[in-house]
C-alpha atoms as a PDB file:
ATOM      1  CA  UNK A   1     -11.074  -0.324   5.397  1.00  0.00           C
ATOM      2  CA  UNK A   2     -14.077   1.952   5.793  1.00  0.00           C
ATOM      3  CA  UNK A   3     -14.427   2.104   2.016  1.00  0.00           C
ATOM      4  CA  UNK A   4     -14.568  -1.690   1.788  1.00  0.00           C
ATOM      5  CA  UNK A   5     -17.121  -1.808   4.577  1.00  0.00           C
ATOM      6  CA  UNK A   6     -19.179   0.821   2.742  1.00  0.00           C
ATOM      7  CA  UNK A   7     -19.159  -1.348  -0.373  1.00  0.00           C
ATOM      8  CA  UNK A   8     -20.243  -4.368   1.665  1.00  0.00           C
ATOM      9  CA  UNK A   9     -23.088  -2.326   3.147  1.00  0.00           C
ATOM     10  CA  UNK A  10     -24.687  -1.685  -0.250  1.00  0.00           C
ATOM     11  CA  UNK A  11     -27.878  -3.708  -0.016  1.00  0.00           C
ATOM     12  CA  UNK A  12     -28.658  -3.998  -3.710  1.00  0.00           C
ATOM     13  CA  UNK A  13     -26.593  -6.883  -5.125  1.00  0.00           C
ATOM     14  CA  UNK A  14     -26.339  -5.388  -8.610  1.00  0.00           C
ATOM     15  CA  UNK A  15     -25.310  -1.969  -7.314  1.00  0.00           C
ATOM     16  CA  UNK A  16     -22.733  -3.526  -4.992  1.00  0.00           C
ATOM     17  CA  UNK A  17     -21.249  -5.722  -7.709  1.00  0.00           C
ATOM     18  CA  UNK A  18     -21.101  -2.760 -10.088  1.00  0.00           C
ATOM     19  CA  UNK A  19     -19.408  -0.517  -7.511  1.00  0.00           C
ATOM     20  CA  UNK A  20     -16.826  -3.170  -6.621  1.00  0.00           C
ATOM     21  CA  UNK A  21     -16.080  -3.733 -10.309  1.00  0.00           C
ATOM     22  CA  UNK A  22     -15.432  -0.023 -10.778  1.00  0.00           C
ATOM     23  CA  UNK A  23     -13.039   0.043  -7.810  1.00  0.00           C
ATOM     24  CA  UNK A  24     -11.190  -3.017  -9.107  1.00  0.00           C
ATOM     25  CA  UNK A  25     -10.938  -1.556 -12.607  1.00  0.00           C
ATOM     26  CA  UNK A  26      -9.501   1.669 -11.194  1.00  0.00           C
ATOM     27  CA  UNK A  27      -7.242  -0.119  -8.677  1.00  0.00           C
ATOM     28  CA  UNK A  28      -3.897   0.498 -10.451  1.00  0.00           C
ATOM     29  CA  UNK A  29      -4.500   4.253 -10.230  1.00  0.00           C
ATOM     30  CA  UNK A  30      -5.582   3.993  -6.588  1.00  0.00           C
ATOM     31  CA  UNK A  31      -2.631   1.789  -5.706  1.00  0.00           C
ATOM     32  CA  UNK A  32      -0.214   4.303  -7.185  1.00  0.00           C
ATOM     33  CA  UNK A  33      -1.873   7.154  -5.322  1.00  0.00           C
ATOM     34  CA  UNK A  34      -1.705   5.258  -2.023  1.00  0.00           C
ATOM     35  CA  UNK A  35       2.026   4.653  -2.530  1.00  0.00           C
ATOM     36  CA  UNK A  36       2.535   8.379  -3.172  1.00  0.00           C
ATOM     37  CA  UNK A  37       0.615   9.327  -0.013  1.00  0.00           C
ATOM     38  CA  UNK A  38       2.659   6.873   2.046  1.00  0.00           C
ATOM     39  CA  UNK A  39       5.928   8.155   0.591  1.00  0.00           C
ATOM     40  CA  UNK A  40       5.050  11.776   1.400  1.00  0.00           C
ATOM     41  CA  UNK A  41       4.163  10.873   4.979  1.00  0.00           C
ATOM     42  CA  UNK A  42       7.325   8.791   5.422  1.00  0.00           C
ATOM     43  CA  UNK A  43       9.422  11.718   4.194  1.00  0.00           C
ATOM     44  CA  UNK A  44       7.549  14.023   6.573  1.00  0.00           C
ATOM     45  CA  UNK A  45       8.322  11.695   9.480  1.00  0.00           C
ATOM     46  CA  UNK A  46      11.992  11.684   8.473  1.00  0.00           C
ATOM     47  CA  UNK A  47      12.009  15.505   8.318  1.00  0.00           C
ATOM     48  CA  UNK A  48      10.577  15.499  11.860  1.00  0.00           C
ATOM     49  CA  UNK A  49      13.717  13.669  12.994  1.00  0.00           C
ATOM     50  CA  UNK A  50      12.419  10.107  13.140  1.00  0.00           C
ATOM     51  CA  UNK A  51      14.940   7.369  12.413  1.00  0.00           C
ATOM     52  CA  UNK A  52      14.374   4.790   9.692  1.00  0.00           C
ATOM     53  CA  UNK A  53      13.927   2.187  12.451  1.00  0.00           C
ATOM     54  CA  UNK A  54      11.180   4.300  14.079  1.00  0.00           C
ATOM     55  CA  UNK A  55       9.487   4.820  10.720  1.00  0.00           C
ATOM     56  CA  UNK A  56       9.728   1.088  10.012  1.00  0.00           C
ATOM     57  CA  UNK A  57       7.845   0.416  13.241  1.00  0.00           C
ATOM     58  CA  UNK A  58       5.138   2.912  12.235  1.00  0.00           C
ATOM     59  CA  UNK A  59       4.808   1.098   8.906  1.00  0.00           C
ATOM     60  CA  UNK A  60       4.017  -2.136  10.653  1.00  0.00           C
ATOM     61  CA  UNK A  61       7.420  -3.536  11.437  1.00  0.00           C
ATOM     62  CA  UNK A  62       9.016  -3.490   8.008  1.00  0.00           C
ATOM     63  CA  UNK A  63      12.817  -3.488   7.938  1.00  0.00           C
ATOM     64  CA  UNK A  64      14.381  -0.019   8.297  1.00  0.00           C
ATOM     65  CA  UNK A  65      15.976  -0.466   4.882  1.00  0.00           C
ATOM     66  CA  UNK A  66      12.507  -0.971   3.389  1.00  0.00           C
ATOM     67  CA  UNK A  67      11.279   2.177   5.139  1.00  0.00           C
ATOM     68  CA  UNK A  68      14.151   4.079   3.533  1.00  0.00           C
ATOM     69  CA  UNK A  69      13.288   2.588   0.129  1.00  0.00           C
ATOM     70  CA  UNK A  70       9.662   3.689   0.559  1.00  0.00           C
ATOM     71  CA  UNK A  71      10.889   7.198   1.334  1.00  0.00           C
ATOM     72  CA  UNK A  72      12.923   7.126  -1.880  1.00  0.00           C
ATOM     73  CA  UNK A  73       9.889   5.962  -3.862  1.00  0.00           C
ATOM     74  CA  UNK A  74      11.368   2.562  -4.652  1.00  0.00           C
ATOM     75  CA  UNK A  75       8.964  -0.302  -5.156  1.00  0.00           C
ATOM     76  CA  UNK A  76       9.662  -3.849  -4.047  1.00  0.00           C
ATOM     77  CA  UNK A  77      11.267  -6.017  -6.672  1.00  0.00           C
ATOM     78  CA  UNK A  78       9.542  -9.192  -7.677  1.00  0.00           C
ATOM     79  CA  UNK A  79      11.627 -12.169  -6.714  1.00  0.00           C
ATOM     80  CA  UNK A  80      12.234 -14.840  -9.312  1.00  0.00           C
ATOM     81  CA  UNK A  81      10.308 -18.047  -8.702  1.00  0.00           C
ATOM     82  CA  UNK A  82      12.156 -20.728  -6.774  1.00  0.00           C
ATOM     83  CA  UNK A  83      13.549 -23.501  -8.910  1.00  0.00           C
ATOM     84  CA  UNK A  84      11.899 -26.838  -8.329  1.00  0.00           C
ATOM     85  CA  UNK A  85      14.120 -29.635  -7.082  1.00  0.00           C
ATOM     86  CA  UNK A  86      14.890 -32.064  -9.853  1.00  0.00           C
END
């Protein structure tokens, strides 16, 4: 969040727009890195004896099964779109 606030604080419009564009262009790499950091920390919590339910609470109230999936490095599956009523 601090990084976003730092981008917003750039006074020069052109410099701000350019910086945000760079972040957005590099986002897939950043997103992957963030997932890896989270996974490592989740595994560390598990090694410390935390339960999946406790870890789920730390992660913001996700289901314990999801916490376990994060620890295993599994990404959420995209759900198929709902069929429209005919």
